[in-house]
Amino acid sequence: MLAVDLVRRGAARSAGRTAVHVVYPREVEDALASHPAVGQCAVVGAPDATWVDAVTAFVTLRPGGRCFRAALRAHVRARLAGYKAPKKVHFVEAIPYSPVGKILRRDLRDPLWEGK
């Protein structure tokens, strides 16, 4: 198996690859979480012809919070390298967690990889 295949299945590590760079979800999530409108967030790799794994964010907003996708990407770009900024941002009602409180990234990632 290739390392990318292991990452897709969550078996190797939580890091994803974008082109030749390794991106750790936690650092992108920390940058997203520093935005005042963001309640919770999770970052996964989605299939992309150019980037191998495109950094993709799933975000819940705080009650009464409003934000645009472009504003969130710019917020992350101001704090991290440009290639670490999410290529796509999905606003969701809730982030799935396991009973012990870990983000269930596979529940977010698997629908993106179906048929790839």
N, C-alpha and C. Protein backbone atom coordinates (compact mmCIF):
# COMPACT_ATOMS: atom_id res chain seq x y z
N MET A 1 0.82 -1.19 0.00
CA MET A 1 0.00 0.00 0.00
C MET A 1 0.87 1.25 0.00
N LEU A 2 0.41 2.24 -0.70
CA LEU A 2 1.10 3.52 -0.69
C LEU A 2 0.76 4.27 0.58
N ALA A 3 1.62 5.16 0.98
CA ALA A 3 1.38 5.95 2.18
C ALA A 3 0.07 6.72 2.06
N VAL A 4 -0.22 7.25 0.87
CA VAL A 4 -1.45 8.01 0.67
C VAL A 4 -2.66 7.11 0.89
N ASP A 5 -2.60 5.84 0.44
CA ASP A 5 -3.70 4.91 0.66
C ASP A 5 -3.90 4.65 2.14
N LEU A 6 -2.80 4.54 2.88
CA LEU A 6 -2.91 4.33 4.32
C LEU A 6 -3.52 5.53 5.00
N VAL A 7 -3.14 6.73 4.55
CA VAL A 7 -3.70 7.95 5.14
C VAL A 7 -5.19 8.02 4.85
N ARG A 8 -5.60 7.66 3.64
CA ARG A 8 -7.02 7.67 3.30
C ARG A 8 -7.81 6.77 4.22
N ARG A 9 -7.24 5.64 4.57
CA ARG A 9 -7.93 4.69 5.44
C ARG A 9 -7.72 5.00 6.91
N GLY A 10 -6.87 5.99 7.20
CA GLY A 10 -6.63 6.37 8.58
C GLY A 10 -5.72 5.42 9.32
N ALA A 11 -5.03 4.51 8.62
CA ALA A 11 -4.24 3.49 9.29
C ALA A 11 -2.85 3.97 9.65
N ALA A 12 -2.28 4.86 8.88
CA ALA A 12 -0.89 5.24 9.11
C ALA A 12 -0.76 6.39 10.09
N ARG A 13 -1.37 7.50 9.78
CA ARG A 13 -1.26 8.70 10.60
C ARG A 13 -2.36 9.64 10.17
N SER A 14 -2.52 10.70 10.88
CA SER A 14 -3.59 11.63 10.55
C SER A 14 -3.16 12.68 9.54
N ALA A 15 -1.89 12.71 9.17
CA ALA A 15 -1.40 13.71 8.23
C ALA A 15 -1.87 13.39 6.82
N GLY A 16 -2.10 14.42 6.05
CA GLY A 16 -2.44 14.27 4.64
C GLY A 16 -1.35 14.88 3.80
N ARG A 17 -1.38 14.62 2.51
CA ARG A 17 -0.38 15.19 1.61
C ARG A 17 -1.08 16.13 0.65
N THR A 18 -0.44 17.24 0.40
CA THR A 18 -0.90 18.14 -0.63
C THR A 18 0.31 18.42 -1.50
N ALA A 19 0.26 17.97 -2.74
CA ALA A 19 1.40 18.01 -3.65
C ALA A 19 2.56 17.27 -2.98
N VAL A 20 3.65 17.96 -2.64
CA VAL A 20 4.79 17.29 -2.00
C VAL A 20 4.89 17.65 -0.52
N HIS A 21 3.95 18.40 0.00
CA HIS A 21 3.98 18.85 1.39
C HIS A 21 3.09 17.98 2.27
N VAL A 22 3.49 17.81 3.50
CA VAL A 22 2.67 17.10 4.49
C VAL A 22 1.95 18.15 5.32
N VAL A 23 0.64 17.97 5.48
CA VAL A 23 -0.17 18.89 6.25
C VAL A 23 -0.81 18.13 7.40
N TYR A 24 -0.60 18.61 8.61
CA TYR A 24 -1.20 17.98 9.78
C TYR A 24 -2.53 18.68 10.09
N PRO A 25 -3.61 17.91 10.18
CA PRO A 25 -4.93 18.51 10.41
C PRO A 25 -4.97 19.41 11.64
N ARG A 26 -4.30 19.02 12.70
CA ARG A 26 -4.39 19.77 13.96
C ARG A 26 -3.94 21.22 13.80
N GLU A 27 -2.87 21.47 13.05
CA GLU A 27 -2.40 22.85 12.92
C GLU A 27 -3.39 23.70 12.12
N VAL A 28 -4.05 23.10 11.12
CA VAL A 28 -5.06 23.84 10.35
C VAL A 28 -6.29 24.06 11.22
N GLU A 29 -6.67 23.04 11.99
CA GLU A 29 -7.82 23.18 12.88
C GLU A 29 -7.58 24.26 13.93
N ASP A 30 -6.37 24.34 14.47
CA ASP A 30 -6.04 25.38 15.45
C ASP A 30 -6.17 26.77 14.83
N ALA A 31 -5.71 26.92 13.59
CA ALA A 31 -5.82 28.21 12.91
C ALA A 31 -7.28 28.56 12.63
N LEU A 32 -8.07 27.58 12.21
CA LEU A 32 -9.50 27.82 11.98
C LEU A 32 -10.21 28.17 13.28
N ALA A 33 -9.90 27.44 14.34
CA ALA A 33 -10.57 27.64 15.62
C ALA A 33 -10.30 29.02 16.21
N SER A 34 -9.23 29.68 15.78
CA SER A 34 -8.92 31.01 16.29
C SER A 34 -9.82 32.09 15.68
N HIS A 35 -10.61 31.73 14.67
CA HIS A 35 -11.56 32.68 14.08
C HIS A 35 -12.74 32.83 15.03
N PRO A 36 -13.20 34.04 15.31
CA PRO A 36 -14.26 34.24 16.29
C PRO A 36 -15.61 33.61 15.94
N ALA A 37 -15.89 33.35 14.68
CA ALA A 37 -17.18 32.78 14.30
C ALA A 37 -17.19 31.25 14.33
N VAL A 38 -16.02 30.62 14.43
CA VAL A 38 -15.92 29.16 14.35
C VAL A 38 -16.17 28.54 15.72
N GLY A 39 -17.11 27.57 15.74
CA GLY A 39 -17.38 26.82 16.96
C GLY A 39 -16.48 25.61 17.04
N GLN A 40 -16.65 24.67 16.12
CA GLN A 40 -15.83 23.46 16.03
C GLN A 40 -15.38 23.29 14.59
N CYS A 41 -14.31 22.53 14.41
CA CYS A 41 -13.84 22.28 13.06
C CYS A 41 -13.07 20.97 13.00
N ALA A 42 -12.99 20.41 11.80
CA ALA A 42 -12.21 19.21 11.53
C ALA A 42 -11.65 19.34 10.13
N VAL A 43 -10.45 18.83 9.93
CA VAL A 43 -9.78 18.93 8.63
C VAL A 43 -9.42 17.53 8.15
N VAL A 44 -9.73 17.26 6.88
CA VAL A 44 -9.41 15.97 6.25
C VAL A 44 -8.85 16.23 4.85
N GLY A 45 -8.34 15.19 4.22
CA GLY A 45 -7.87 15.27 2.85
C GLY A 45 -8.95 14.77 1.91
N ALA A 46 -9.24 15.52 0.86
CA ALA A 46 -10.22 15.13 -0.15
C ALA A 46 -9.48 14.90 -1.46
N PRO A 47 -10.02 14.03 -2.33
CA PRO A 47 -9.33 13.76 -3.59
C PRO A 47 -9.24 15.00 -4.47
N ASP A 48 -8.08 15.17 -5.09
CA ASP A 48 -7.87 16.31 -5.96
C ASP A 48 -6.83 15.93 -7.00
N ALA A 49 -7.09 16.22 -8.25
CA ALA A 49 -6.19 15.86 -9.34
C ALA A 49 -4.85 16.60 -9.24
N THR A 50 -4.87 17.83 -8.77
CA THR A 50 -3.66 18.64 -8.69
C THR A 50 -2.90 18.41 -7.39
N TRP A 51 -3.60 18.39 -6.28
CA TRP A 51 -2.97 18.41 -4.96
C TRP A 51 -2.85 17.03 -4.31
N VAL A 52 -3.25 15.96 -4.93
CA VAL A 52 -3.30 14.62 -4.36
C VAL A 52 -4.39 14.58 -3.29
N ASP A 53 -4.15 15.19 -2.15
CA ASP A 53 -5.15 15.35 -1.09
C ASP A 53 -5.36 16.85 -0.91
N ALA A 54 -6.55 17.34 -1.21
CA ALA A 54 -6.84 18.75 -1.00
C ALA A 54 -7.27 18.94 0.45
N VAL A 55 -6.71 19.92 1.12
CA VAL A 55 -7.09 20.22 2.49
C VAL A 55 -8.54 20.68 2.49
N THR A 56 -9.38 19.96 3.23
CA THR A 56 -10.82 20.23 3.26
C THR A 56 -11.25 20.39 4.71
N ALA A 57 -11.95 21.49 5.00
CA ALA A 57 -12.38 21.77 6.36
C ALA A 57 -13.89 21.61 6.50
N PHE A 58 -14.28 21.06 7.65
CA PHE A 58 -15.68 20.98 8.04
C PHE A 58 -15.81 21.87 9.27
N VAL A 59 -16.74 22.82 9.23
CA VAL A 59 -16.81 23.86 10.25
C VAL A 59 -18.24 24.00 10.77
N THR A 60 -18.37 24.14 12.09
CA THR A 60 -19.63 24.56 12.70
C THR A 60 -19.42 25.99 13.18
N LEU A 61 -20.45 26.79 13.07
CA LEU A 61 -20.35 28.18 13.51
C LEU A 61 -20.93 28.33 14.91
N ARG A 62 -20.42 29.31 15.64
CA ARG A 62 -20.98 29.61 16.96
C ARG A 62 -22.40 30.16 16.78
N PRO A 63 -23.23 30.06 17.80
CA PRO A 63 -24.58 30.64 17.69
C PRO A 63 -24.50 32.12 17.33
N GLY A 64 -25.19 32.49 16.29
CA GLY A 64 -25.18 33.87 15.81
C GLY A 64 -23.96 34.22 14.98
N GLY A 65 -23.04 33.29 14.81
CA GLY A 65 -21.83 33.55 14.03
C GLY A 65 -22.10 33.49 12.54
N ARG A 66 -21.44 34.36 11.81
CA ARG A 66 -21.56 34.37 10.35
C ARG A 66 -20.16 34.50 9.77
N CYS A 67 -19.94 33.77 8.70
CA CYS A 67 -18.63 33.82 8.07
C CYS A 67 -18.73 33.26 6.66
N PHE A 68 -17.89 33.76 5.78
CA PHE A 68 -17.82 33.26 4.41
C PHE A 68 -16.63 32.32 4.27
N ARG A 69 -16.73 31.40 3.33
CA ARG A 69 -15.65 30.44 3.09
C ARG A 69 -14.32 31.15 2.78
N ALA A 70 -14.40 32.17 1.94
CA ALA A 70 -13.19 32.90 1.56
C ALA A 70 -12.54 33.58 2.77
N ALA A 71 -13.35 34.06 3.70
CA ALA A 71 -12.81 34.70 4.90
C ALA A 71 -12.08 33.69 5.77
N LEU A 72 -12.61 32.48 5.87
CA LEU A 72 -11.94 31.43 6.65
C LEU A 72 -10.62 31.03 6.01
N ARG A 73 -10.62 30.87 4.68
CA ARG A 73 -9.38 30.53 3.98
C ARG A 73 -8.33 31.62 4.18
N ALA A 74 -8.75 32.88 4.08
CA ALA A 74 -7.82 34.00 4.26
C ALA A 74 -7.30 34.04 5.70
N HIS A 75 -8.17 33.72 6.65
CA HIS A 75 -7.78 33.70 8.07
C HIS A 75 -6.67 32.66 8.30
N VAL A 76 -6.82 31.49 7.70
CA VAL A 76 -5.80 30.44 7.84
C VAL A 76 -4.52 30.84 7.12
N ARG A 77 -4.66 31.41 5.91
CA ARG A 77 -3.49 31.83 5.14
C ARG A 77 -2.66 32.87 5.88
N ALA A 78 -3.31 33.69 6.67
CA ALA A 78 -2.59 34.72 7.44
C ALA A 78 -1.77 34.10 8.57
N ARG A 79 -2.09 32.87 8.96
CA ARG A 79 -1.43 32.22 10.09
C ARG A 79 -0.51 31.07 9.70
N LEU A 80 -0.78 30.46 8.54
CA LEU A 80 0.00 29.31 8.08
C LEU A 80 0.43 29.50 6.64
N ALA A 81 1.26 28.60 6.16
CA ALA A 81 1.68 28.63 4.75
C ALA A 81 0.45 28.47 3.85
N GLY A 82 0.48 29.06 2.69
CA GLY A 82 -0.65 29.05 1.77
C GLY A 82 -1.14 27.67 1.39
N TYR A 83 -0.23 26.69 1.24
CA TYR A 83 -0.65 25.36 0.85
C TYR A 83 -1.41 24.63 1.96
N LYS A 84 -1.35 25.15 3.19
CA LYS A 84 -2.07 24.54 4.30
C LYS A 84 -3.50 25.06 4.44
N ALA A 85 -3.81 26.14 3.74
CA ALA A 85 -5.16 26.70 3.81
C ALA A 85 -6.14 25.75 3.14
N PRO A 86 -7.34 25.61 3.69
CA PRO A 86 -8.32 24.70 3.09
C PRO A 86 -8.68 25.11 1.67
N LYS A 87 -8.71 24.14 0.79
CA LYS A 87 -9.14 24.38 -0.59
C LYS A 87 -10.66 24.44 -0.64
N LYS A 88 -11.30 23.67 0.26
CA LYS A 88 -12.76 23.65 0.36
C LYS A 88 -13.14 23.77 1.82
N VAL A 89 -14.24 24.46 2.07
CA VAL A 89 -14.80 24.58 3.42
C VAL A 89 -16.26 24.18 3.35
N HIS A 90 -16.65 23.23 4.21
CA HIS A 90 -18.04 22.78 4.29
C HIS A 90 -18.59 23.21 5.65
N PHE A 91 -19.72 23.90 5.65
CA PHE A 91 -20.38 24.25 6.90
C PHE A 91 -21.33 23.12 7.25
N VAL A 92 -21.21 22.58 8.46
CA VAL A 92 -22.02 21.46 8.90
C VAL A 92 -22.69 21.80 10.23
N GLU A 93 -23.72 21.02 10.57
CA GLU A 93 -24.44 21.22 11.83
C GLU A 93 -23.63 20.72 13.02
N ALA A 94 -22.91 19.59 12.83
CA ALA A 94 -22.15 19.01 13.93
C ALA A 94 -20.95 18.23 13.39
N ILE A 95 -19.90 18.18 14.19
CA ILE A 95 -18.72 17.38 13.88
C ILE A 95 -18.87 16.05 14.61
N PRO A 96 -18.68 14.92 13.91
CA PRO A 96 -18.84 13.63 14.60
C PRO A 96 -17.67 13.31 15.54
N TYR A 97 -18.01 12.88 16.74
CA TYR A 97 -17.01 12.51 17.75
C TYR A 97 -17.25 11.08 18.21
N SER A 98 -16.18 10.42 18.61
CA SER A 98 -16.28 9.08 19.19
C SER A 98 -16.73 9.22 20.65
N PRO A 99 -17.07 8.11 21.29
CA PRO A 99 -17.46 8.19 22.71
C PRO A 99 -16.37 8.74 23.63
N VAL A 100 -15.11 8.63 23.21
CA VAL A 100 -14.02 9.16 24.04
C VAL A 100 -13.63 10.58 23.65
N GLY A 101 -14.35 11.18 22.71
CA GLY A 101 -14.12 12.58 22.37
C GLY A 101 -13.17 12.87 21.22
N LYS A 102 -12.80 11.85 20.45
CA LYS A 102 -11.93 12.07 19.29
C LYS A 102 -12.79 12.35 18.06
N ILE A 103 -12.30 13.21 17.18
CA ILE A 103 -13.01 13.50 15.94
C ILE A 103 -13.01 12.26 15.07
N LEU A 104 -14.16 11.88 14.54
CA LEU A 104 -14.27 10.74 13.63
C LEU A 104 -14.03 11.23 12.20
N ARG A 105 -12.76 11.41 11.87
CA ARG A 105 -12.39 11.94 10.55
C ARG A 105 -12.87 11.04 9.42
N ARG A 106 -12.87 9.74 9.65
CA ARG A 106 -13.29 8.82 8.58
C ARG A 106 -14.75 9.06 8.19
N ASP A 107 -15.59 9.46 9.15
CA ASP A 107 -16.99 9.75 8.83
C ASP A 107 -17.11 10.98 7.93
N LEU A 108 -16.17 11.88 8.03
CA LEU A 108 -16.15 13.06 7.16
C LEU A 108 -15.45 12.77 5.84
N ARG A 109 -14.37 12.00 5.91
CA ARG A 109 -13.51 11.74 4.75
C ARG A 109 -14.10 10.71 3.79
N ASP A 110 -14.66 9.61 4.29
CA ASP A 110 -15.08 8.51 3.42
C ASP A 110 -16.07 8.92 2.32
N PRO A 111 -17.09 9.75 2.61
CA PRO A 111 -17.99 10.15 1.50
C PRO A 111 -17.27 10.93 0.40
N LEU A 112 -16.21 11.64 0.74
CA LEU A 112 -15.46 12.40 -0.26
C LEU A 112 -14.67 11.48 -1.19
N TRP A 113 -14.25 10.31 -0.68
CA TRP A 113 -13.41 9.40 -1.43
C TRP A 113 -14.20 8.30 -2.15
N GLU A 114 -15.50 8.22 -1.95
CA GLU A 114 -16.30 7.17 -2.61
C GLU A 114 -16.16 7.27 -4.11
N GLY A 115 -15.84 6.13 -4.72
CA GLY A 115 -15.71 6.08 -6.17
C GLY A 115 -14.37 6.57 -6.69
N LYS A 116 -13.44 6.90 -5.84
CA LYS A 116 -12.12 7.41 -6.28
C LYS A 116 -11.11 6.31 -6.26
